[in-house]
């Protein structure tokens, strides 16, 4: 029974395809197929770029959380290297981002660089700055 239904479906599809080609011609069908292929490629590249941006932001957030933990342990050397890695992750995300997010990510990278110089100088209230950076990255991820 299933074989028969499958055969009927294939025959109906073939009939519809023949009717469509006879009515509109092969050039129109090829044009629609190329247009569909171009749309798929555009959407795929957009999703890929968005994924690269989000991955960069998540990596930066991970590094900032680790740097915050290092600050709590009074390990400023590891905190500085963690902040540097967060800055590099944000640079990667900025390169993949579109024009709408590029400016925001540049500002975030500048804030991370400021936190890095503050950590190198052992300035107080650094944990609050890192907390604010993590919250800002959370807001970017929920966008």
C-alpha atoms as a PDB file:
ATOM      1  CA  UNK A   1       0.000   0.000   0.000  1.00  0.00           C
ATOM      2  CA  UNK A   2       2.817   2.416   0.897  1.00  0.00           C
ATOM      3  CA  UNK A   3       4.618   1.628  -2.352  1.00  0.00           C
ATOM      4  CA  UNK A   4       1.484   2.454  -4.300  1.00  0.00           C
ATOM      5  CA  UNK A   5       1.002   5.772  -2.451  1.00  0.00           C
ATOM      6  CA  UNK A   6       4.655   6.618  -3.060  1.00  0.00           C
ATOM      7  CA  UNK A   7       4.252   5.811  -6.747  1.00  0.00           C
ATOM      8  CA  UNK A   8       1.140   8.014  -6.963  1.00  0.00           C
ATOM      9  CA  UNK A   9       2.984  10.879  -5.248  1.00  0.00           C
ATOM     10  CA  UNK A  10       5.948  10.606  -7.639  1.00  0.00           C
ATOM     11  CA  UNK A  11       3.601  10.526 -10.627  1.00  0.00           C
ATOM     12  CA  UNK A  12       1.660  13.561  -9.341  1.00  0.00           C
ATOM     13  CA  UNK A  13       4.910  15.467  -8.814  1.00  0.00           C
ATOM     14  CA  UNK A  14       6.125  14.576 -12.278  1.00  0.00           C
ATOM     15  CA  UNK A  15       2.801  15.614 -13.793  1.00  0.00           C
ATOM     16  CA  UNK A  16       2.880  18.969 -11.940  1.00  0.00           C
ATOM     17  CA  UNK A  17       6.492  19.594 -13.000  1.00  0.00           C
ATOM     18  CA  UNK A  18       5.672  18.830 -16.640  1.00  0.00           C
ATOM     19  CA  UNK A  19       2.637  21.090 -16.514  1.00  0.00           C
ATOM     20  CA  UNK A  20       4.678  23.934 -14.971  1.00  0.00           C
ATOM     21  CA  UNK A  21       7.485  23.617 -17.534  1.00  0.00           C
ATOM     22  CA  UNK A  22       4.970  23.490 -20.375  1.00  0.00           C
ATOM     23  CA  UNK A  23       3.178  26.571 -19.112  1.00  0.00           C
ATOM     24  CA  UNK A  24       6.146  28.805 -18.187  1.00  0.00           C
ATOM     25  CA  UNK A  25       9.129  27.343 -20.040  1.00  0.00           C
ATOM     26  CA  UNK A  26      12.478  26.021 -18.910  1.00  0.00           C
ATOM     27  CA  UNK A  27      14.158  29.444 -18.784  1.00  0.00           C
ATOM     28  CA  UNK A  28      11.759  30.640 -16.085  1.00  0.00           C
ATOM     29  CA  UNK A  29      12.286  27.468 -14.069  1.00  0.00           C
ATOM     30  CA  UNK A  30      16.077  27.755 -14.304  1.00  0.00           C
ATOM     31  CA  UNK A  31      15.881  31.431 -13.285  1.00  0.00           C
ATOM     32  CA  UNK A  32      13.789  30.552 -10.212  1.00  0.00           C
ATOM     33  CA  UNK A  33      16.191  27.749  -9.280  1.00  0.00           C
ATOM     34  CA  UNK A  34      19.189  30.104  -9.520  1.00  0.00           C
ATOM     35  CA  UNK A  35      17.344  32.753  -7.518  1.00  0.00           C
ATOM     36  CA  UNK A  36      16.475  30.189  -4.845  1.00  0.00           C
ATOM     37  CA  UNK A  37      20.120  29.061  -4.720  1.00  0.00           C
ATOM     38  CA  UNK A  38      21.310  32.654  -4.315  1.00  0.00           C
ATOM     39  CA  UNK A  39      18.812  33.218  -1.487  1.00  0.00           C
ATOM     40  CA  UNK A  40      19.999  30.092   0.304  1.00  0.00           C
ATOM     41  CA  UNK A  41      23.643  31.159   0.010  1.00  0.00           C
ATOM     42  CA  UNK A  42      22.849  34.671   1.296  1.00  0.00           C
ATOM     43  CA  UNK A  43      20.917  33.368   4.299  1.00  0.00           C
ATOM     44  CA  UNK A  44      23.603  30.791   5.081  1.00  0.00           C
ATOM     45  CA  UNK A  45      26.370  33.381   5.038  1.00  0.00           C
ATOM     46  CA  UNK A  46      24.285  35.687   7.221  1.00  0.00           C
ATOM     47  CA  UNK A  47      23.710  32.932   9.775  1.00  0.00           C
ATOM     48  CA  UNK A  48      27.394  31.992   9.665  1.00  0.00           C
ATOM     49  CA  UNK A  49      28.466  35.581  10.291  1.00  0.00           C
ATOM     50  CA  UNK A  50      25.980  35.946  13.142  1.00  0.00           C
ATOM     51  CA  UNK A  51      27.268  32.732  14.691  1.00  0.00           C
ATOM     52  CA  UNK A  52      30.858  33.970  14.470  1.00  0.00           C
ATOM     53  CA  UNK A  53      29.897  37.219  16.228  1.00  0.00           C
ATOM     54  CA  UNK A  54      28.012  35.438  18.991  1.00  0.00           C
ATOM     55  CA  UNK A  55      30.865  32.960  19.465  1.00  0.00           C
ATOM     56  CA  UNK A  56      33.321  35.826  19.831  1.00  0.00           C
ATOM     57  CA  UNK A  57      31.102  37.548  22.386  1.00  0.00           C
ATOM     58  CA  UNK A  58      30.644  34.329  24.387  1.00  0.00           C
ATOM     59  CA  UNK A  59      34.411  33.714  24.356  1.00  0.00           C
ATOM     60  CA  UNK A  60      35.047  37.278  25.550  1.00  0.00           C
ATOM     61  CA  UNK A  61      32.492  36.857  28.327  1.00  0.00           C
ATOM     62  CA  UNK A  62      34.119  33.590  29.382  1.00  0.00           C
ATOM     63  CA  UNK A  63      37.521  35.274  29.563  1.00  0.00           C
ATOM     64  CA  UNK A  64      36.108  38.186  31.563  1.00  0.00           C
ATOM     65  CA  UNK A  65      34.490  35.843  34.077  1.00  0.00           C
ATOM     66  CA  UNK A  66      37.797  34.008  34.439  1.00  0.00           C
ATOM     67  CA  UNK A  67      39.612  37.344  34.867  1.00  0.00           C
ATOM     68  CA  UNK A  68      37.111  38.319  37.559  1.00  0.00           C
ATOM     69  CA  UNK A  69      37.826  35.057  39.342  1.00  0.00           C
ATOM     70  CA  UNK A  70      41.549  35.734  39.090  1.00  0.00           C
ATOM     71  CA  UNK A  71      41.026  39.212  40.539  1.00  0.00           C
ATOM     72  CA  UNK A  72      39.164  37.737  43.480  1.00  0.00           C
ATOM     73  CA  UNK A  73      42.129  35.394  44.026  1.00  0.00           C
ATOM     74  CA  UNK A  74      44.500  38.399  43.861  1.00  0.00           C
ATOM     75  CA  UNK A  75      46.211  36.899  40.817  1.00  0.00           C
ATOM     76  CA  UNK A  76      46.637  40.053  38.752  1.00  0.00           C
ATOM     77  CA  UNK A  77      48.985  38.526  36.173  1.00  0.00           C
ATOM     78  CA  UNK A  78      46.419  35.950  35.068  1.00  0.00           C
ATOM     79  CA  UNK A  79      43.694  38.594  35.178  1.00  0.00           C
ATOM     80  CA  UNK A  80      45.656  40.799  32.786  1.00  0.00           C
ATOM     81  CA  UNK A  81      46.196  37.899  30.375  1.00  0.00           C
ATOM     82  CA  UNK A  82      42.492  37.019  30.613  1.00  0.00           C
ATOM     83  CA  UNK A  83      41.550  40.596  29.795  1.00  0.00           C
ATOM     84  CA  UNK A  84      43.933  40.500  26.818  1.00  0.00           C
ATOM     85  CA  UNK A  85      42.288  37.299  25.564  1.00  0.00           C
ATOM     86  CA  UNK A  86      38.867  38.913  25.987  1.00  0.00           C
ATOM     87  CA  UNK A  87      40.047  41.850  23.912  1.00  0.00           C
ATOM     88  CA  UNK A  88      41.246  39.483  21.187  1.00  0.00           C
ATOM     89  CA  UNK A  89      37.906  37.638  21.201  1.00  0.00           C
ATOM     90  CA  UNK A  90      36.082  40.951  20.835  1.00  0.00           C
ATOM     91  CA  UNK A  91      38.383  41.873  17.945  1.00  0.00           C
ATOM     92  CA  UNK A  92      37.456  38.615  16.223  1.00  0.00           C
ATOM     93  CA  UNK A  93      33.756  39.331  16.803  1.00  0.00           C
ATOM     94  CA  UNK A  94      34.176  42.887  15.501  1.00  0.00           C
ATOM     95  CA  UNK A  95      35.754  41.627  12.297  1.00  0.00           C
ATOM     96  CA  UNK A  96      32.776  39.341  11.653  1.00  0.00           C
ATOM     97  CA  UNK A  97      30.105  41.827  12.763  1.00  0.00           C
ATOM     98  CA  UNK A  98      27.963  43.955  10.534  1.00  0.00           C
ATOM     99  CA  UNK A  99      27.864  47.741  10.640  1.00  0.00           C
ATOM    100  CA  UNK A 100      25.157  47.808  13.325  1.00  0.00           C
ATOM    101  CA  UNK A 101      27.238  45.939  15.935  1.00  0.00           C
ATOM    102  CA  UNK A 102      30.726  47.007  14.902  1.00  0.00           C
ATOM    103  CA  UNK A 103      30.631  50.307  16.816  1.00  0.00           C
ATOM    104  CA  UNK A 104      29.261  48.700  19.961  1.00  0.00           C
ATOM    105  CA  UNK A 105      31.907  45.989  19.899  1.00  0.00           C
ATOM    106  CA  UNK A 106      34.659  48.582  19.364  1.00  0.00           C
ATOM    107  CA  UNK A 107      33.478  50.454  22.476  1.00  0.00           C
ATOM    108  CA  UNK A 108      33.428  47.203  24.433  1.00  0.00           C
ATOM    109  CA  UNK A 109      36.973  46.407  23.291  1.00  0.00           C
ATOM    110  CA  UNK A 110      38.109  49.869  24.423  1.00  0.00           C
ATOM    111  CA  UNK A 111      36.511  49.309  27.842  1.00  0.00           C
ATOM    112  CA  UNK A 112      38.305  45.972  28.147  1.00  0.00           C
ATOM    113  CA  UNK A 113      41.591  47.670  27.223  1.00  0.00           C
ATOM    114  CA  UNK A 114      40.961  50.286  29.936  1.00  0.00           C
ATOM    115  CA  UNK A 115      40.281  47.506  32.449  1.00  0.00           C
ATOM    116  CA  UNK A 116      43.504  45.805  31.372  1.00  0.00           C
ATOM    117  CA  UNK A 117      45.568  48.949  31.981  1.00  0.00           C
ATOM    118  CA  UNK A 118      43.815  49.381  35.344  1.00  0.00           C
ATOM    119  CA  UNK A 119      44.705  45.787  36.253  1.00  0.00           C
ATOM    120  CA  UNK A 120      48.322  46.358  35.279  1.00  0.00           C
ATOM    121  CA  UNK A 121      48.369  49.452  37.503  1.00  0.00           C
ATOM    122  CA  UNK A 122      46.625  47.527  40.328  1.00  0.00           C
ATOM    123  CA  UNK A 123      43.905  50.161  40.624  1.00  0.00           C
ATOM    124  CA  UNK A 124      41.020  49.648  43.050  1.00  0.00           C
ATOM    125  CA  UNK A 125      37.404  48.991  42.003  1.00  0.00           C
ATOM    126  CA  UNK A 126      38.510  46.828  39.084  1.00  0.00           C
ATOM    127  CA  UNK A 127      36.053  44.058  39.921  1.00  0.00           C
ATOM    128  CA  UNK A 128      33.133  46.459  39.473  1.00  0.00           C
ATOM    129  CA  UNK A 129      34.428  47.395  36.011  1.00  0.00           C
ATOM    130  CA  UNK A 130      34.716  43.748  35.013  1.00  0.00           C
ATOM    131  CA  UNK A 131      31.200  43.102  36.374  1.00  0.00           C
ATOM    132  CA  UNK A 132      29.870  45.953  34.262  1.00  0.00           C
ATOM    133  CA  UNK A 133      31.645  44.542  31.192  1.00  0.00           C
ATOM    134  CA  UNK A 134      30.116  41.108  31.763  1.00  0.00           C
ATOM    135  CA  UNK A 135      26.653  42.662  32.083  1.00  0.00           C
ATOM    136  CA  UNK A 136      27.175  44.629  28.871  1.00  0.00           C
ATOM    137  CA  UNK A 137      28.163  41.456  27.037  1.00  0.00           C
ATOM    138  CA  UNK A 138      25.088  39.710  28.429  1.00  0.00           C
ATOM    139  CA  UNK A 139      22.951  42.503  26.983  1.00  0.00           C
ATOM    140  CA  UNK A 140      24.646  42.061  23.604  1.00  0.00           C
ATOM    141  CA  UNK A 141      23.945  38.339  23.658  1.00  0.00           C
ATOM    142  CA  UNK A 142      20.251  38.839  24.378  1.00  0.00           C
ATOM    143  CA  UNK A 143      19.959  41.289  21.510  1.00  0.00           C
END
